Amino acid sequence: PIGYSLAHARLKPGKVSYPHILKSTEVYYILEGEGMMHIDDEASMVYPGQSVFIPANSRQFIENRGEGDLVFLCIVNPAWRSEDEIIID
C-alpha cells in the first residue's frame, strides 16, 4: 500500500477552508484559481502550477481570492486519518 493520501478540493470564490492542524505533512498543488495560503503566522498568494509544503503540526487554511473556483490537490503523508486532524474554531 502507498503511504500517502490524495484529495481533490474545490473552493468557491470568497470562501475559506476551515483552519486546522494535521499531525502529517501536507502538500497543496494548485490546479486552477488563485488564493491566499495561511501557514501558522505566514500568508502568501498561490497560483496554478504552484505547490505549497505544509509542515506537520502547522495551523493552516486557504482562502479563495479569485473570481473563479480555487481547485487544488492535497497530498498528505502519512495518509490522512480523522484522528490526526484538529479543527480550530
N, C-alpha and C. Protein backbone atom coordinates (compact mmCIF):
# COMPACT_ATOMS: atom_id res chain seq x y z
N PRO A 1 0.82 -1.20 0.00
CA PRO A 1 0.00 0.00 0.00
C PRO A 1 0.86 1.26 0.00
N ILE A 2 0.30 2.32 -0.56
CA ILE A 2 1.03 3.60 -0.55
C ILE A 2 0.90 4.25 0.83
N GLY A 3 1.82 5.11 1.16
CA GLY A 3 1.83 5.69 2.49
C GLY A 3 1.22 7.08 2.57
N TYR A 4 0.65 7.57 1.48
CA TYR A 4 0.07 8.91 1.48
C TYR A 4 -1.36 8.88 0.99
N SER A 5 -2.08 9.97 1.19
CA SER A 5 -3.44 10.09 0.65
C SER A 5 -3.48 11.29 -0.29
N LEU A 6 -4.44 11.25 -1.21
CA LEU A 6 -4.61 12.30 -2.21
C LEU A 6 -6.07 12.71 -2.24
N ALA A 7 -6.32 14.01 -2.17
CA ALA A 7 -7.69 14.53 -2.25
C ALA A 7 -7.72 15.65 -3.28
N HIS A 8 -8.85 15.79 -3.95
CA HIS A 8 -9.09 16.86 -4.92
C HIS A 8 -10.07 17.83 -4.27
N ALA A 9 -9.68 19.10 -4.13
CA ALA A 9 -10.50 20.07 -3.41
C ALA A 9 -10.92 21.21 -4.33
N ARG A 10 -12.09 21.78 -4.04
CA ARG A 10 -12.62 22.92 -4.79
C ARG A 10 -13.22 23.90 -3.79
N LEU A 11 -12.79 25.15 -3.91
CA LEU A 11 -13.26 26.20 -3.00
C LEU A 11 -13.86 27.32 -3.85
N LYS A 12 -15.10 27.66 -3.58
CA LYS A 12 -15.81 28.69 -4.34
C LYS A 12 -15.23 30.08 -4.04
N PRO A 13 -15.43 31.04 -4.96
CA PRO A 13 -14.91 32.40 -4.75
C PRO A 13 -15.39 32.99 -3.42
N GLY A 14 -14.47 33.62 -2.72
CA GLY A 14 -14.78 34.25 -1.44
C GLY A 14 -14.84 33.32 -0.25
N LYS A 15 -14.70 32.02 -0.48
CA LYS A 15 -14.80 31.05 0.61
C LYS A 15 -13.42 30.78 1.22
N VAL A 16 -13.44 30.27 2.45
CA VAL A 16 -12.22 29.98 3.20
C VAL A 16 -12.33 28.56 3.75
N SER A 17 -11.26 27.77 3.64
CA SER A 17 -11.27 26.44 4.25
C SER A 17 -11.21 26.60 5.77
N TYR A 18 -11.63 25.57 6.48
CA TYR A 18 -11.60 25.67 7.93
C TYR A 18 -10.16 25.58 8.44
N PRO A 19 -9.80 26.43 9.38
CA PRO A 19 -8.46 26.35 9.97
C PRO A 19 -8.30 25.01 10.70
N HIS A 20 -7.16 24.37 10.47
CA HIS A 20 -6.93 23.06 11.08
C HIS A 20 -5.44 22.79 11.22
N ILE A 21 -5.14 21.77 11.99
CA ILE A 21 -3.77 21.29 12.20
C ILE A 21 -3.76 19.80 11.91
N LEU A 22 -2.78 19.36 11.13
CA LEU A 22 -2.60 17.93 10.85
C LEU A 22 -1.31 17.44 11.51
N LYS A 23 -1.33 16.22 12.00
CA LYS A 23 -0.11 15.61 12.53
C LYS A 23 0.81 15.16 11.40
N SER A 24 0.29 15.14 10.17
CA SER A 24 1.06 14.72 8.99
C SER A 24 1.53 15.94 8.20
N THR A 25 2.55 15.75 7.36
CA THR A 25 2.91 16.79 6.42
C THR A 25 1.91 16.77 5.27
N GLU A 26 1.79 17.92 4.60
CA GLU A 26 0.83 18.02 3.50
C GLU A 26 1.42 18.90 2.40
N VAL A 27 1.04 18.60 1.18
CA VAL A 27 1.40 19.43 0.03
C VAL A 27 0.11 19.78 -0.70
N TYR A 28 -0.07 21.06 -0.99
CA TYR A 28 -1.16 21.51 -1.87
C TYR A 28 -0.54 21.77 -3.23
N TYR A 29 -1.21 21.30 -4.28
CA TYR A 29 -0.80 21.63 -5.65
C TYR A 29 -1.97 22.36 -6.29
N ILE A 30 -1.75 23.60 -6.69
CA ILE A 30 -2.82 24.45 -7.21
C ILE A 30 -3.05 24.15 -8.69
N LEU A 31 -4.28 23.79 -9.02
CA LEU A 31 -4.65 23.48 -10.40
C LEU A 31 -5.30 24.66 -11.11
N GLU A 32 -6.22 25.35 -10.42
CA GLU A 32 -6.95 26.48 -11.02
C GLU A 32 -7.20 27.54 -9.95
N GLY A 33 -7.30 28.79 -10.39
CA GLY A 33 -7.67 29.88 -9.50
C GLY A 33 -6.48 30.47 -8.77
N GLU A 34 -6.79 31.33 -7.82
CA GLU A 34 -5.75 31.94 -7.00
C GLU A 34 -6.27 32.11 -5.59
N GLY A 35 -5.35 32.00 -4.65
CA GLY A 35 -5.78 32.07 -3.26
C GLY A 35 -4.67 32.57 -2.35
N MET A 36 -5.04 32.73 -1.10
CA MET A 36 -4.09 33.11 -0.07
C MET A 36 -3.94 31.92 0.88
N MET A 37 -2.72 31.38 0.94
CA MET A 37 -2.41 30.24 1.79
C MET A 37 -1.87 30.74 3.11
N HIS A 38 -2.45 30.28 4.20
CA HIS A 38 -2.03 30.67 5.54
C HIS A 38 -1.43 29.45 6.25
N ILE A 39 -0.17 29.58 6.68
CA ILE A 39 0.50 28.53 7.45
C ILE A 39 1.11 29.20 8.68
N ASP A 40 0.59 28.83 9.84
CA ASP A 40 0.98 29.48 11.10
C ASP A 40 0.82 30.99 10.94
N ASP A 41 1.87 31.78 11.12
CA ASP A 41 1.75 33.24 11.05
C ASP A 41 2.13 33.82 9.69
N GLU A 42 2.32 32.97 8.69
CA GLU A 42 2.71 33.43 7.36
C GLU A 42 1.57 33.25 6.38
N ALA A 43 1.50 34.14 5.40
CA ALA A 43 0.48 34.05 4.35
C ALA A 43 1.12 34.45 3.02
N SER A 44 0.75 33.74 1.95
CA SER A 44 1.25 34.10 0.63
C SER A 44 0.24 33.68 -0.43
N MET A 45 0.25 34.44 -1.52
CA MET A 45 -0.64 34.13 -2.64
C MET A 45 -0.14 32.87 -3.35
N VAL A 46 -1.10 32.09 -3.86
CA VAL A 46 -0.78 30.88 -4.62
C VAL A 46 -1.53 30.93 -5.95
N TYR A 47 -0.91 30.34 -6.98
CA TYR A 47 -1.42 30.38 -8.34
C TYR A 47 -1.27 29.01 -8.99
N PRO A 48 -1.96 28.78 -10.12
CA PRO A 48 -1.86 27.48 -10.80
C PRO A 48 -0.41 27.09 -11.09
N GLY A 49 -0.12 25.82 -10.87
CA GLY A 49 1.22 25.29 -11.10
C GLY A 49 2.12 25.36 -9.88
N GLN A 50 1.69 26.04 -8.84
CA GLN A 50 2.50 26.14 -7.62
C GLN A 50 2.16 25.01 -6.66
N SER A 51 3.16 24.62 -5.89
CA SER A 51 2.92 23.67 -4.80
C SER A 51 3.32 24.35 -3.49
N VAL A 52 2.66 23.94 -2.42
CA VAL A 52 2.90 24.52 -1.10
C VAL A 52 3.15 23.37 -0.13
N PHE A 53 4.29 23.39 0.54
CA PHE A 53 4.60 22.40 1.56
C PHE A 53 4.10 22.90 2.91
N ILE A 54 3.34 22.07 3.61
CA ILE A 54 2.79 22.42 4.92
C ILE A 54 3.37 21.45 5.94
N PRO A 55 4.25 21.93 6.82
CA PRO A 55 4.85 21.04 7.82
C PRO A 55 3.81 20.46 8.77
N ALA A 56 4.11 19.30 9.30
CA ALA A 56 3.23 18.69 10.31
C ALA A 56 3.04 19.64 11.48
N ASN A 57 1.87 19.58 12.09
CA ASN A 57 1.53 20.36 13.28
C ASN A 57 1.50 21.87 13.04
N SER A 58 1.25 22.27 11.80
CA SER A 58 1.11 23.69 11.46
C SER A 58 -0.36 24.06 11.37
N ARG A 59 -0.70 25.24 11.87
CA ARG A 59 -2.07 25.77 11.70
C ARG A 59 -2.18 26.24 10.25
N GLN A 60 -3.21 25.80 9.55
CA GLN A 60 -3.30 26.12 8.13
C GLN A 60 -4.74 26.31 7.67
N PHE A 61 -4.87 27.16 6.65
CA PHE A 61 -6.12 27.29 5.90
C PHE A 61 -5.82 28.05 4.62
N ILE A 62 -6.74 27.97 3.68
CA ILE A 62 -6.58 28.65 2.40
C ILE A 62 -7.86 29.40 2.08
N GLU A 63 -7.72 30.56 1.47
CA GLU A 63 -8.90 31.33 1.08
C GLU A 63 -8.85 31.62 -0.41
N ASN A 64 -10.01 31.54 -1.06
CA ASN A 64 -10.11 31.82 -2.48
C ASN A 64 -10.20 33.33 -2.67
N ARG A 65 -9.20 33.90 -3.33
CA ARG A 65 -9.16 35.34 -3.58
C ARG A 65 -9.50 35.67 -5.03
N GLY A 66 -9.80 34.64 -5.84
CA GLY A 66 -10.07 34.87 -7.25
C GLY A 66 -11.55 34.96 -7.57
N GLU A 67 -11.84 35.12 -8.85
CA GLU A 67 -13.23 35.23 -9.31
C GLU A 67 -13.81 33.87 -9.69
N GLY A 68 -12.95 32.88 -9.89
CA GLY A 68 -13.40 31.53 -10.21
C GLY A 68 -13.08 30.58 -9.06
N ASP A 69 -13.43 29.32 -9.25
CA ASP A 69 -13.14 28.31 -8.23
C ASP A 69 -11.63 28.16 -8.03
N LEU A 70 -11.23 27.90 -6.81
CA LEU A 70 -9.85 27.54 -6.48
C LEU A 70 -9.83 26.02 -6.38
N VAL A 71 -9.08 25.38 -7.27
CA VAL A 71 -9.05 23.92 -7.36
C VAL A 71 -7.62 23.47 -7.06
N PHE A 72 -7.49 22.49 -6.16
CA PHE A 72 -6.15 22.06 -5.78
C PHE A 72 -6.17 20.61 -5.30
N LEU A 73 -4.99 20.00 -5.34
CA LEU A 73 -4.79 18.66 -4.80
C LEU A 73 -4.17 18.78 -3.42
N CYS A 74 -4.55 17.87 -2.54
CA CYS A 74 -3.99 17.79 -1.19
C CYS A 74 -3.33 16.42 -1.03
N ILE A 75 -2.03 16.41 -0.86
CA ILE A 75 -1.30 15.16 -0.67
C ILE A 75 -0.82 15.13 0.78
N VAL A 76 -1.24 14.12 1.53
CA VAL A 76 -0.93 14.03 2.96
C VAL A 76 -0.07 12.79 3.19
N ASN A 77 1.05 12.98 3.92
CA ASN A 77 1.98 11.88 4.19
C ASN A 77 2.45 11.95 5.64
N PRO A 78 2.21 10.89 6.45
CA PRO A 78 1.46 9.68 6.09
C PRO A 78 -0.01 10.00 5.83
N ALA A 79 -0.70 9.03 5.28
CA ALA A 79 -2.07 9.21 4.81
C ALA A 79 -2.97 9.85 5.87
N TRP A 80 -3.91 10.68 5.39
CA TRP A 80 -4.85 11.39 6.26
C TRP A 80 -5.69 10.41 7.07
N ARG A 81 -5.85 10.72 8.36
CA ARG A 81 -6.76 10.00 9.25
C ARG A 81 -7.46 11.04 10.10
N SER A 82 -8.74 10.85 10.33
CA SER A 82 -9.51 11.86 11.08
C SER A 82 -8.92 12.12 12.46
N GLU A 83 -8.39 11.10 13.09
CA GLU A 83 -7.82 11.29 14.43
C GLU A 83 -6.52 12.10 14.42
N ASP A 84 -5.95 12.35 13.24
CA ASP A 84 -4.73 13.14 13.13
C ASP A 84 -5.01 14.60 12.78
N GLU A 85 -6.28 14.98 12.75
CA GLU A 85 -6.65 16.35 12.38
C GLU A 85 -7.37 17.04 13.53
N ILE A 86 -6.96 18.28 13.79
CA ILE A 86 -7.59 19.11 14.81
C ILE A 86 -8.21 20.31 14.10
N ILE A 87 -9.52 20.48 14.22
CA ILE A 87 -10.22 21.62 13.65
C ILE A 87 -10.16 22.76 14.66
N ILE A 88 -9.80 23.95 14.18
CA ILE A 88 -9.68 25.12 15.05
C ILE A 88 -10.91 26.00 14.85
N ASP A 89 -11.59 26.31 15.93
CA ASP A 89 -12.79 27.16 15.83
C ASP A 89 -12.44 28.61 15.63
